[in-house]
Amino acid sequence: MGATKSDLFTKQQNDVANMAKALAHPARIAILQYLVKKNACVCGDLVEELGLAQATTSQHLKELKTAGLIQGTIEGASVCYCINPKVWNQYREIFGTFFKEVAELKSCC
């Protein structure tokens, strides 16, 4: 696989692309929606909620945690997850700015 040549793009372009990559799977969107809906730390419910294998769910949680969108705490034998509000608000601001810039365009086709 070739290099992305991210140095050719602005920091904002790279940030938006990395954020989009973190969100680029429906399971991750479902996890985020579930955590937002619960508005609390969730322990162990996610596998049952998503209907995916434990390993698959764990991989998606790892990606979201690496992106900073969620945070986890260890409670006994389980890890509890919740939304990281600071990063969540950063995503909202950056995507909002990005889509606002695009929304001001008129259709040309």
C-alpha atoms as a PDB file:
ATOM      1  CA  MET A   1       0.000   0.000   0.000  1.00  0.00           C
ATOM      2  CA  GLY A   2       1.340   3.437  -0.929  1.00  0.00           C
ATOM      3  CA  ALA A   3       2.095   6.304   1.390  1.00  0.00           C
ATOM      4  CA  THR A   4      -0.664   8.863   1.874  1.00  0.00           C
ATOM      5  CA  LYS A   5       1.741  11.797   1.421  1.00  0.00           C
ATOM      6  CA  SER A   6      -0.062  13.607   4.225  1.00  0.00           C
ATOM      7  CA  ASP A   7       2.645  16.282   4.192  1.00  0.00           C
ATOM      8  CA  LEU A   8       1.090  17.572   0.951  1.00  0.00           C
ATOM      9  CA  PHE A   9      -2.052  18.609   2.830  1.00  0.00           C
ATOM     10  CA  THR A  10      -2.854  21.124   5.551  1.00  0.00           C
ATOM     11  CA  LYS A  11      -3.125  20.154   9.193  1.00  0.00           C
ATOM     12  CA  GLN A  12      -6.882  20.776   9.009  1.00  0.00           C
ATOM     13  CA  GLN A  13      -7.237  18.467   5.996  1.00  0.00           C
ATOM     14  CA  ASN A  14      -5.262  15.747   7.759  1.00  0.00           C
ATOM     15  CA  ASP A  15      -7.264  16.207  10.971  1.00  0.00           C
ATOM     16  CA  VAL A  16     -10.612  15.931   9.176  1.00  0.00           C
ATOM     17  CA  ALA A  17      -9.419  12.844   7.265  1.00  0.00           C
ATOM     18  CA  ASN A  18      -8.204  11.144  10.457  1.00  0.00           C
ATOM     19  CA  MET A  19     -11.464  11.933  12.226  1.00  0.00           C
ATOM     20  CA  ALA A  20     -13.484  10.621   9.299  1.00  0.00           C
ATOM     21  CA  LYS A  21     -11.412   7.431   9.318  1.00  0.00           C
ATOM     22  CA  ALA A  22     -12.234   6.892  12.998  1.00  0.00           C
ATOM     23  CA  LEU A  23     -15.951   7.187  12.164  1.00  0.00           C
ATOM     24  CA  ALA A  24     -15.785   5.188   8.930  1.00  0.00           C
ATOM     25  CA  HIS A  25     -17.551   2.036  10.066  1.00  0.00           C
ATOM     26  CA  PRO A  26     -21.235   1.594  10.911  1.00  0.00           C
ATOM     27  CA  ALA A  27     -20.356  -0.399  14.049  1.00  0.00           C
ATOM     28  CA  ARG A  28     -18.388   2.567  15.392  1.00  0.00           C
ATOM     29  CA  ILE A  29     -21.276   4.891  14.652  1.00  0.00           C
ATOM     30  CA  ALA A  30     -23.613   2.480  16.468  1.00  0.00           C
ATOM     31  CA  ILE A  31     -21.250   2.356  19.463  1.00  0.00           C
ATOM     32  CA  LEU A  32     -21.095   6.144  19.640  1.00  0.00           C
ATOM     33  CA  GLN A  33     -24.867   6.495  19.295  1.00  0.00           C
ATOM     34  CA  TYR A  34     -25.398   3.945  22.066  1.00  0.00           C
ATOM     35  CA  LEU A  35     -22.939   5.669  24.408  1.00  0.00           C
ATOM     36  CA  VAL A  36     -24.488   9.083  23.706  1.00  0.00           C
ATOM     37  CA  LYS A  37     -27.978   7.685  24.328  1.00  0.00           C
ATOM     38  CA  LYS A  38     -26.920   6.090  27.623  1.00  0.00           C
ATOM     39  CA  ASN A  39     -24.998   9.217  28.700  1.00  0.00           C
ATOM     40  CA  ALA A  40     -23.103   7.089  31.218  1.00  0.00           C
ATOM     41  CA  CYS A  41     -20.253   4.630  31.376  1.00  0.00           C
ATOM     42  CA  VAL A  42     -21.276   1.351  29.757  1.00  0.00           C
ATOM     43  CA  CYS A  43     -19.774  -1.944  30.858  1.00  0.00           C
ATOM     44  CA  GLY A  44     -20.256  -5.086  28.782  1.00  0.00           C
ATOM     45  CA  ASP A  45     -23.574  -4.177  27.123  1.00  0.00           C
ATOM     46  CA  LEU A  46     -22.018  -3.313  23.784  1.00  0.00           C
ATOM     47  CA  VAL A  47     -21.520  -6.836  22.431  1.00  0.00           C
ATOM     48  CA  GLU A  48     -25.151  -7.672  23.070  1.00  0.00           C
ATOM     49  CA  GLU A  49     -26.328  -4.299  21.740  1.00  0.00           C
ATOM     50  CA  LEU A  50     -24.347  -4.543  18.482  1.00  0.00           C
ATOM     51  CA  GLY A  51     -24.776  -8.242  17.805  1.00  0.00           C
ATOM     52  CA  LEU A  52     -21.117  -8.558  16.824  1.00  0.00           C
ATOM     53  CA  ALA A  53     -18.487 -10.902  18.193  1.00  0.00           C
ATOM     54  CA  GLN A  54     -16.599  -9.795  21.303  1.00  0.00           C
ATOM     55  CA  ALA A  55     -13.308  -9.562  19.368  1.00  0.00           C
ATOM     56  CA  THR A  56     -14.895  -7.436  16.634  1.00  0.00           C
ATOM     57  CA  THR A  57     -16.530  -5.124  19.153  1.00  0.00           C
ATOM     58  CA  SER A  58     -13.249  -4.806  21.035  1.00  0.00           C
ATOM     59  CA  GLN A  59     -11.426  -3.837  17.846  1.00  0.00           C
ATOM     60  CA  HIS A  60     -13.944  -1.086  17.111  1.00  0.00           C
ATOM     61  CA  LEU A  61     -13.718   0.151  20.702  1.00  0.00           C
ATOM     62  CA  LYS A  62      -9.939   0.220  20.371  1.00  0.00           C
ATOM     63  CA  GLU A  63     -10.172   2.370  17.224  1.00  0.00           C
ATOM     64  CA  LEU A  64     -12.558   4.807  18.905  1.00  0.00           C
ATOM     65  CA  LYS A  65     -10.371   4.970  22.004  1.00  0.00           C
ATOM     66  CA  THR A  66      -7.238   5.532  19.905  1.00  0.00           C
ATOM     67  CA  ALA A  67      -9.046   8.400  18.169  1.00  0.00           C
ATOM     68  CA  GLY A  68      -9.890   9.792  21.610  1.00  0.00           C
ATOM     69  CA  LEU A  69     -13.651   9.749  21.051  1.00  0.00           C
ATOM     70  CA  ILE A  70     -14.256   7.391  23.939  1.00  0.00           C
ATOM     71  CA  GLN A  71     -12.510   6.770  27.209  1.00  0.00           C
ATOM     72  CA  GLY A  72     -12.450   3.626  29.272  1.00  0.00           C
ATOM     73  CA  THR A  73     -11.982   2.685  32.872  1.00  0.00           C
ATOM     74  CA  ILE A  74     -11.287  -0.752  34.285  1.00  0.00           C
ATOM     75  CA  GLU A  75     -13.810  -1.974  36.840  1.00  0.00           C
ATOM     76  CA  GLY A  76     -13.011  -5.467  38.034  1.00  0.00           C
ATOM     77  CA  ALA A  77     -12.808  -7.782  35.044  1.00  0.00           C
ATOM     78  CA  SER A  78     -14.569  -5.424  32.649  1.00  0.00           C
ATOM     79  CA  VAL A  79     -13.767  -2.161  30.914  1.00  0.00           C
ATOM     80  CA  CYS A  80     -16.392   0.564  30.985  1.00  0.00           C
ATOM     81  CA  TYR A  81     -16.620   3.073  28.150  1.00  0.00           C
ATOM     82  CA  CYS A  82     -18.104   6.527  27.761  1.00  0.00           C
ATOM     83  CA  ILE A  83     -17.859   9.479  25.383  1.00  0.00           C
ATOM     84  CA  ASN A  84     -14.849  11.749  25.864  1.00  0.00           C
ATOM     85  CA  PRO A  85     -16.630  15.131  25.858  1.00  0.00           C
ATOM     86  CA  LYS A  86     -13.518  17.191  25.063  1.00  0.00           C
ATOM     87  CA  VAL A  87     -12.706  15.234  21.892  1.00  0.00           C
ATOM     88  CA  TRP A  88     -16.404  14.867  20.981  1.00  0.00           C
ATOM     89  CA  ASN A  89     -16.731  18.661  20.990  1.00  0.00           C
ATOM     90  CA  GLN A  90     -13.548  19.015  18.913  1.00  0.00           C
ATOM     91  CA  TYR A  91     -15.008  16.652  16.286  1.00  0.00           C
ATOM     92  CA  ARG A  92     -18.278  18.575  16.268  1.00  0.00           C
ATOM     93  CA  GLU A  93     -16.479  21.897  15.828  1.00  0.00           C
ATOM     94  CA  ILE A  94     -14.113  20.682  13.095  1.00  0.00           C
ATOM     95  CA  PHE A  95     -16.793  18.843  11.114  1.00  0.00           C
ATOM     96  CA  GLY A  96     -19.203  21.745  11.598  1.00  0.00           C
ATOM     97  CA  THR A  97     -16.669  24.159  10.148  1.00  0.00           C
ATOM     98  CA  PHE A  98     -15.884  21.791   7.288  1.00  0.00           C
ATOM     99  CA  PHE A  99     -19.534  21.270   6.328  1.00  0.00           C
ATOM    100  CA  LYS A 100     -20.371  24.948   6.759  1.00  0.00           C
ATOM    101  CA  GLU A 101     -17.680  25.829   4.226  1.00  0.00           C
ATOM    102  CA  VAL A 102     -19.053  23.246   1.808  1.00  0.00           C
ATOM    103  CA  ALA A 103     -22.710  24.172   2.445  1.00  0.00           C
ATOM    104  CA  GLU A 104     -22.176  27.661   1.124  1.00  0.00           C
ATOM    105  CA  LEU A 105     -21.594  26.304  -2.398  1.00  0.00           C
ATOM    106  CA  LYS A 106     -24.292  26.120  -5.037  1.00  0.00           C
ATOM    107  CA  SER A 107     -24.737  23.057  -7.213  1.00  0.00           C
ATOM    108  CA  CYS A 108     -22.753  23.322 -10.416  1.00  0.00           C
ATOM    109  CA  CYS A 109     -23.786  20.099 -12.125  1.00  0.00           C
END
